[in-house]
Protein backbone atom coordinates (compact mmCIF):
# COMPACT_ATOMS: atom_id res chain seq x y z
CA MET A 1 0.00 0.00 0.00
CA LYS A 2 1.30 3.45 -0.90
CA LYS A 3 2.22 5.84 1.89
CA ASN A 4 0.63 9.27 1.92
CA VAL A 5 3.38 11.90 2.06
CA ALA A 6 2.64 15.60 2.58
CA VAL A 7 5.34 17.85 1.10
CA ILE A 8 5.09 21.03 3.19
CA PHE A 9 6.66 24.21 1.83
CA GLY A 10 6.44 28.00 1.68
CA SER A 11 5.70 29.59 5.08
CA LYS A 12 6.36 33.05 6.50
CA SER A 13 10.00 33.39 5.54
CA VAL A 14 12.21 35.55 3.33
CA GLU A 15 13.30 32.21 1.82
CA HIS A 16 9.71 31.54 0.77
CA GLU A 17 10.39 31.45 -2.98
CA ILE A 18 13.43 29.18 -2.57
CA SER A 19 11.21 26.77 -0.65
CA ILE A 20 8.71 26.69 -3.54
CA ILE A 21 11.53 25.67 -5.91
CA THR A 22 12.81 22.98 -3.54
CA ALA A 23 9.30 21.55 -3.10
CA ASN A 24 8.75 21.49 -6.85
CA GLN A 25 11.98 19.54 -7.29
CA ILE A 26 10.86 17.05 -4.63
CA LEU A 27 7.42 16.66 -6.22
CA ASN A 28 9.07 15.86 -9.56
CA ALA A 29 11.66 13.45 -8.15
CA ILE A 30 9.67 11.46 -5.57
CA ASP A 31 8.71 7.92 -6.54
CA LYS A 32 4.98 8.07 -7.35
CA GLU A 33 4.87 4.26 -7.46
CA LYS A 34 5.67 4.18 -3.72
CA TYR A 35 4.03 7.35 -2.43
CA ASN A 36 0.80 9.28 -2.79
CA VAL A 37 2.04 12.86 -2.67
CA ILE A 38 -0.02 15.70 -1.21
CA PRO A 39 1.48 19.17 -1.74
CA VAL A 40 0.86 21.48 1.23
CA TYR A 41 1.67 25.15 0.68
CA ILE A 42 1.85 27.73 3.47
CA SER A 43 1.38 31.24 2.09
CA LYS A 44 3.31 34.28 3.29
CA ASP A 45 0.37 35.21 5.53
CA GLY A 46 0.36 31.75 7.11
CA THR A 47 -2.66 30.26 5.29
CA TRP A 48 -2.36 26.53 4.49
CA TYR A 49 -3.41 25.22 1.03
CA THR A 50 -3.45 21.94 -0.85
CA GLY A 51 -4.45 20.79 -4.34
CA SER A 52 -2.95 19.79 -7.68
CA VAL A 53 -2.48 23.45 -8.73
CA LEU A 54 0.48 23.52 -6.33
CA GLU A 55 2.39 20.91 -8.34
CA ASN A 56 3.16 23.26 -11.24
CA LEU A 57 5.95 25.73 -10.55
CA GLU A 58 4.68 28.08 -13.26
CA ASN A 59 1.44 28.60 -11.33
CA PHE A 60 3.33 30.40 -8.56
CA LYS A 61 4.13 33.25 -10.94
CA ASN A 62 0.49 34.28 -10.37
CA ILE A 63 -0.17 33.94 -6.64
CA ASN A 64 -3.82 34.88 -7.18
CA LEU A 65 -4.20 31.68 -9.20
CA ILE A 66 -2.91 29.70 -6.24
CA THR A 67 -5.23 31.29 -3.70
CA LYS A 68 -8.24 30.89 -6.01
CA LYS A 69 -7.71 27.32 -7.22
CA ALA A 70 -5.95 25.69 -4.27
CA LYS A 71 -8.06 24.36 -1.40
CA LYS A 72 -7.66 25.96 2.00
CA ILE A 73 -6.86 23.53 4.78
CA ARG A 74 -9.47 24.29 7.42
CA TYR A 75 -8.06 22.36 10.35
CA PHE A 76 -5.86 19.46 11.43
CA GLU A 77 -6.72 16.42 13.45
CA LYS A 78 -4.77 13.50 14.85
CA SER A 79 -6.10 10.01 14.17
CA ASN A 80 -4.02 7.12 15.52
CA SER A 81 -0.64 7.42 13.77
CA LYS A 82 -1.96 9.61 10.96
CA LEU A 83 -2.37 13.35 10.52
CA LEU A 84 -5.69 14.39 9.02
CA LEU A 85 -5.65 17.52 6.86
CA LYS A 86 -9.21 18.72 6.33
CA SER A 87 -10.11 21.10 3.52
CA SER A 88 -13.50 22.13 2.22
CA PHE A 89 -12.96 19.59 -0.56
CA LYS A 90 -11.78 16.42 1.20
CA THR A 91 -9.83 14.95 4.11
CA TYR A 92 -6.27 13.77 3.53
CA GLU A 93 -4.72 11.05 5.67
CA ILE A 94 -1.02 11.78 6.05
CA ASP A 95 1.49 9.07 7.01
CA LEU A 96 4.55 11.32 6.90
CA CYS A 97 5.42 14.99 6.46
CA PHE A 98 8.27 15.86 4.12
CA LEU A 99 9.47 19.27 5.27
CA ALA A 100 10.71 21.58 2.51
CA ALA A 101 10.28 25.00 4.15
CA HIS A 102 13.50 27.00 4.53
CA GLY A 103 14.30 29.55 7.21
CA THR A 104 11.89 30.92 9.80
CA TYR A 105 8.61 29.14 10.51
CA GLY A 106 9.85 26.01 8.78
CA GLU A 107 13.50 25.12 9.26
CA ASP A 108 13.75 26.63 12.74
CA GLY A 109 11.86 23.97 14.73
CA THR A 110 8.40 25.44 14.17
CA LEU A 111 7.09 22.84 11.71
CA GLN A 112 9.01 20.15 13.56
CA GLY A 113 7.09 21.08 16.71
CA PHE A 114 3.80 20.91 14.81
CA CYS A 115 4.63 17.39 13.61
CA GLU A 116 5.69 16.31 17.11
CA MET A 117 2.41 17.55 18.60
CA MET A 118 0.46 15.80 15.86
CA ASP A 119 2.51 12.63 16.45
CA VAL A 120 3.41 12.16 12.79
CA PRO A 121 6.82 11.25 11.30
CA TYR A 122 8.68 14.06 9.55
CA THR A 123 11.91 14.43 7.62
CA GLY A 124 14.91 16.29 8.98
CA SER A 125 16.31 17.04 12.39
CA SER A 126 14.50 17.44 15.71
CA ILE A 127 12.97 20.60 17.15
CA LEU A 128 16.07 21.35 19.21
CA SER A 129 18.65 20.58 16.51
CA SER A 130 16.70 22.64 13.96
CA ALA A 131 16.38 25.60 16.33
CA ILE A 132 20.08 25.48 17.20
CA ALA A 133 21.36 25.08 13.64
CA ILE A 134 19.36 28.00 12.27
CA ASP A 135 20.89 30.28 14.91
CA LYS A 136 24.40 31.03 13.69
CA VAL A 137 25.51 32.37 17.08
CA ILE A 138 24.38 29.37 19.12
CA THR A 139 25.70 26.98 16.46
CA LYS A 140 29.16 28.54 16.64
CA GLN A 141 29.12 28.56 20.44
CA LEU A 142 28.22 24.87 20.55
CA LEU A 143 30.74 23.88 17.90
CA LYS A 144 33.49 25.85 19.61
CA ALA A 145 32.67 24.08 22.88
CA ASN A 146 33.21 20.79 21.04
CA ASN A 147 36.60 21.88 19.67
CA ILE A 148 35.29 22.27 16.14
CA PRO A 149 36.99 25.27 14.46
CA VAL A 150 34.85 28.30 13.60
CA VAL A 151 35.78 31.81 12.46
CA ASP A 152 36.29 34.35 15.27
CA PHE A 153 32.96 36.01 16.01
CA ASP A 154 30.88 38.14 18.35
CA TYR A 155 27.20 39.01 18.48
CA ILE A 156 24.77 41.55 19.85
CA THR A 157 21.01 41.79 20.34
CA LYS A 158 18.91 44.72 19.12
CA ARG A 159 18.12 45.76 22.68
CA LYS A 160 21.80 45.94 23.60
CA TRP A 161 22.70 47.59 20.28
CA ASP A 162 20.27 50.44 20.95
CA THR A 163 22.01 51.26 24.23
CA SER A 164 25.68 50.48 23.58
CA TYR A 165 26.40 50.06 19.86
CA GLU A 166 29.51 52.28 19.94
CA LYS A 167 31.14 50.17 22.64
CA PHE A 168 30.32 46.98 20.70
CA ILE A 169 31.76 48.33 17.44
CA LYS A 170 34.99 49.37 19.17
CA SER A 171 35.26 45.90 20.69
CA CYS A 172 34.86 44.26 17.27
CA GLU A 173 37.35 46.63 15.69
CA SER A 174 39.86 45.77 18.40
CA LYS A 175 39.36 42.00 18.16
CA PHE A 176 38.93 41.53 14.41
CA GLY A 177 39.85 44.65 12.50
CA TYR A 178 38.33 45.44 9.12
CA PRO A 179 36.96 43.89 7.00
CA MET A 180 34.21 42.05 8.88
CA TYR A 181 31.00 40.28 7.94
CA ILE A 182 27.68 41.17 9.55
CA LYS A 183 24.84 38.67 9.35
CA PRO A 184 21.36 38.19 10.80
CA SER A 185 21.78 35.34 13.27
CA ARG A 186 18.73 33.34 12.14
CA LEU A 187 18.47 33.52 8.37
CA GLY A 188 19.71 31.61 5.34
CA SER A 189 20.36 31.95 1.60
CA SER A 190 22.94 34.69 2.34
CA ILE A 191 20.13 37.21 2.84
CA GLY A 192 21.05 40.26 4.92
CA ILE A 193 24.81 39.59 4.87
CA THR A 194 27.18 42.54 4.36
CA LYS A 195 30.95 42.88 4.22
CA VAL A 196 32.01 46.09 6.01
CA ASN A 197 35.22 48.12 5.89
CA SER A 198 34.43 51.11 8.09
CA ILE A 199 32.38 52.18 11.10
CA ASP A 200 29.75 53.82 8.88
CA GLU A 201 29.36 50.64 6.85
CA PHE A 202 29.22 48.66 10.10
CA ILE A 203 26.32 50.75 11.43
CA ASN A 204 24.38 50.61 8.16
CA ALA A 205 24.91 46.87 7.78
CA ALA A 206 23.89 46.21 11.38
CA GLU A 207 20.69 48.20 11.02
CA MET A 208 19.88 46.33 7.83
CA ALA A 209 20.57 42.94 9.47
CA PHE A 210 18.37 43.94 12.42
CA SER A 211 15.48 44.39 9.98
CA PHE A 212 15.55 40.59 9.59
CA ASP A 213 16.39 39.47 13.13
CA ASN A 214 16.81 40.87 16.64
CA LYS A 215 20.28 39.32 16.97
CA ILE A 216 23.22 39.79 14.61
CA LEU A 217 26.51 37.99 14.17
CA VAL A 218 29.82 39.74 13.47
CA GLU A 219 32.65 37.66 11.99
CA LYS A 220 36.28 38.34 11.20
CA ALA A 221 36.62 38.26 7.40
CA ILE A 222 38.87 35.49 6.13
CA GLU A 223 40.08 37.16 2.96
CA ASN A 224 40.39 35.04 -0.21
CA ALA A 225 39.25 31.91 1.59
CA ARG A 226 38.08 28.97 -0.49
CA GLU A 227 34.53 27.76 0.19
CA PHE A 228 33.65 24.08 0.36
CA ASN A 229 30.34 22.32 1.01
CA CYS A 230 29.26 18.79 1.65
CA ALA A 231 26.06 17.07 2.73
CA VAL A 232 25.66 14.65 5.62
CA MET A 233 22.84 12.15 5.89
CA GLY A 234 21.85 9.56 8.45
CA TYR A 235 20.60 8.74 11.91
CA LYS A 236 22.40 5.77 13.42
CA ASN A 237 24.70 5.43 10.42
CA ILE A 238 26.19 8.54 8.80
CA LEU A 239 27.05 9.13 5.15
CA VAL A 240 28.96 12.12 3.77
CA SER A 241 28.51 13.26 0.19
CA GLU A 242 31.09 14.40 -2.32
CA VAL A 243 32.76 17.70 -1.44
CA GLU A 244 32.14 20.68 -3.74
CA GLU A 245 33.93 24.00 -4.09
CA ILE A 246 32.01 27.23 -4.59
CA ILE A 247 33.66 29.43 -7.20
CA LYS A 248 32.78 33.03 -6.32
CA LYS A 249 32.68 36.12 -8.48
CA ARG A 250 32.15 38.33 -5.43
CA ASP A 251 33.54 38.50 -1.90
CA PHE A 252 31.10 35.85 -0.74
CA PHE A 253 28.55 33.47 -2.26
CA ASP A 254 25.55 35.78 -2.06
CA PHE A 255 21.86 35.36 -2.92
CA ASN A 256 22.31 36.46 -6.55
CA GLU A 257 25.06 33.93 -7.24
CA LYS A 258 23.19 31.17 -5.42
CA TYR A 259 19.89 31.59 -7.22
CA ILE A 260 19.52 34.48 -9.69
CA ASN A 261 22.71 34.01 -11.74
CA LYS A 262 23.07 30.26 -11.21
CA GLY A 263 23.87 28.62 -14.51
CA LYS A 264 24.15 31.94 -16.39
CA LYS A 265 27.50 31.97 -18.20
CA PHE A 266 29.23 31.00 -14.98
CA SER A 267 29.51 27.69 -13.19
CA ASN A 268 29.79 28.31 -9.45
CA HIS A 269 29.69 24.66 -8.35
CA LYS A 270 32.78 22.49 -8.86
CA ILE A 271 31.93 18.88 -7.96
CA PRO A 272 34.08 17.16 -6.92
CA ALA A 273 36.30 19.89 -5.51
CA GLU A 274 39.89 19.86 -6.74
CA ILE A 275 41.57 19.55 -3.36
CA ASP A 276 44.25 17.50 -1.70
CA GLU A 277 42.98 14.20 -0.29
CA LYS A 278 44.17 15.20 3.17
CA ILE A 279 42.03 18.37 3.13
CA LYS A 280 39.04 16.42 1.84
CA ASN A 281 39.37 13.87 4.64
CA GLU A 282 39.55 16.68 7.21
CA ILE A 283 36.37 18.23 5.80
CA VAL A 284 34.58 14.86 5.92
CA ASP A 285 35.74 14.30 9.49
CA LEU A 286 34.60 17.77 10.59
CA ALA A 287 31.28 17.24 8.83
CA LYS A 288 30.63 14.08 10.83
CA LYS A 289 31.66 15.75 14.10
CA THR A 290 29.39 18.73 13.39
CA PHE A 291 26.46 16.46 12.55
CA LYS A 292 26.90 14.59 15.84
CA SER A 293 27.60 17.69 17.95
CA LEU A 294 24.32 19.29 16.86
CA ASP A 295 22.53 15.93 17.23
CA CYS A 296 21.24 16.18 13.67
CA TYR A 297 19.61 13.50 11.58
CA GLY A 298 18.08 13.37 8.15
CA ASN A 299 19.96 15.27 5.44
CA ILE A 300 21.89 18.49 6.07
CA ARG A 301 24.49 20.61 4.26
CA ILE A 302 27.55 22.06 5.97
CA ASP A 303 29.54 25.00 4.57
CA PHE A 304 33.27 25.38 5.19
CA LEU A 305 35.96 28.04 4.74
CA TYR A 306 39.56 27.09 4.00
CA LYS A 307 42.73 29.19 4.09
CA ASP A 308 46.37 28.64 5.09
CA ASP A 309 45.75 24.96 5.87
CA LYS A 310 42.96 25.86 8.29
CA ILE A 311 39.38 24.67 7.86
CA PHE A 312 36.46 26.41 9.56
CA VAL A 313 32.84 25.27 9.82
CA ASN A 314 30.90 28.27 8.56
CA GLU A 315 27.18 27.37 8.51
CA VAL A 316 24.84 24.42 8.94
CA ASN A 317 21.63 24.00 6.92
CA THR A 318 19.20 21.39 8.24
CA ILE A 319 16.88 21.77 5.20
CA PRO A 320 19.29 22.76 2.42
CA GLY A 321 18.06 24.23 -0.84
CA ALA A 322 17.15 21.48 -3.34
CA LEU A 323 18.04 19.09 -0.47
CA ALA A 324 21.64 19.37 -1.76
CA PHE A 325 20.73 16.55 -4.17
CA TYR A 326 23.54 17.56 -6.56
CA LEU A 327 26.09 16.64 -3.89
CA TRP A 328 24.55 13.19 -3.51
CA GLN A 329 24.26 12.65 -7.26
CA ALA A 330 28.04 13.04 -7.43
CA THR A 331 28.31 10.02 -5.11
CA GLY A 332 25.86 7.90 -7.13
CA ILE A 333 22.72 8.57 -5.09
CA THR A 334 19.88 9.85 -7.27
CA PHE A 335 17.42 12.51 -6.11
CA THR A 336 14.69 9.84 -5.93
CA HIS A 337 16.93 7.60 -3.82
CA LEU A 338 17.81 10.56 -1.57
CA ILE A 339 14.10 11.18 -0.91
CA ASP A 340 13.59 7.48 -0.10
CA ASN A 341 16.50 7.59 2.35
CA MET A 342 15.12 10.68 4.08
CA ILE A 343 11.69 9.07 4.44
CA ASN A 344 13.23 5.87 5.81
CA ILE A 345 15.26 7.85 8.35
CA ALA A 346 12.14 9.77 9.43
CA GLU A 347 10.27 6.52 10.00
CA GLU A 348 13.17 5.03 11.96
CA VAL A 349 13.40 8.11 14.20
CA PHE A 350 9.64 8.03 14.74
CA LYS A 351 9.71 4.32 15.62
CA ASP A 352 12.40 4.91 18.24
CA LYS A 353 10.39 7.79 19.75
CA LYS A 354 7.31 5.61 20.03
CA ASN A 355 9.28 3.19 22.20
CA LYS A 356 9.95 5.88 24.81
CA ILE A 357 7.84 6.52 27.91
CA TYR A 358 5.92 9.80 27.80
CA SER A 359 3.46 9.31 30.65
CA ILE A 360 3.33 7.47 33.95
CA ASP A 361 0.46 6.35 36.16
CA THR A 362 0.24 8.42 39.31
CA ASN A 363 -2.30 9.31 41.92
CA ILE A 364 -0.83 12.76 42.50
CA LEU A 365 -4.13 14.44 41.62
CA SER A 366 -5.80 12.59 44.47
CA LEU A 367 -3.29 13.85 47.03
CA LYS A 368 -4.40 16.50 49.45
CA VAL A 369 -2.75 19.81 48.57
CA GLU A 370 -1.54 21.69 51.61
CA LYS A 371 -2.41 25.38 51.66
């Protein structure tokens, strides 16, 4: 019997459009002989939709078409080990949720929490791992505590910035010197990132980053560093993909190079990376250590910086764009096989959770409460 898989995407995130592309790729690659696929789209205002109109990427060029032809999901209900999605048209029984929402309200533990409360299997890492990995500051703090190398950094919240930004800037100038990178702490796809070379640029970049998040990260710039990526997949057993090198035309691999100019007269992905075997082995080893340190499972992508024989873990993506399928294809794992593996991992994680104790019999409510 086919399993009913809901591919959930969109959501209230600046990475909304990237999520639509990722979901479309999943919908095209998933094995329809094994799974009944139900697309579930969350609009930018948080409304949930389903329906076949969501399967065509072209339809999203006219969002009014989506809101008119797609069916609103009215409410959710738990039934045994299934999630019931109820629209005005029909009720869908969901065996597993395939999460394809990037950034806030999707990759940050929000959808993971929804699935946990509804007691349904879902792809990707847990609530805690997702929430940690999306926060660049906490990720770096945790990795550093586990002796995993990261670029020198500092951070500040909006509340503290408003009262002592000059002191913070002087501290960063003293510790790092220019240039520096300023990033929103909880955002992906290189959105809101600025390289700064002066105090005026620092202030402007910080204010811009604060428009996306109430906490920002400041990093020492590693000039002319090479950028490498690899994917890691697993739960009890861990696999690491081929390593790629990002060939940049700018100071860093920004949103335009990642998505807008991708494939336009310039190849920015070199797979496999042309690197010494020793460096590659170090990257693979650090990838495994990072995966375990953050207690991840499913399929993630890890970004690295390399210069002067030093490798730094830069960022961790628990729901990478396009699921980083291109990295797995280079190792012989097709996109369809990758999706199967992620579903199998989700079911294995769910099975292990079901074997845990979540309630105990007690007569505490019958005890007399002393006033």
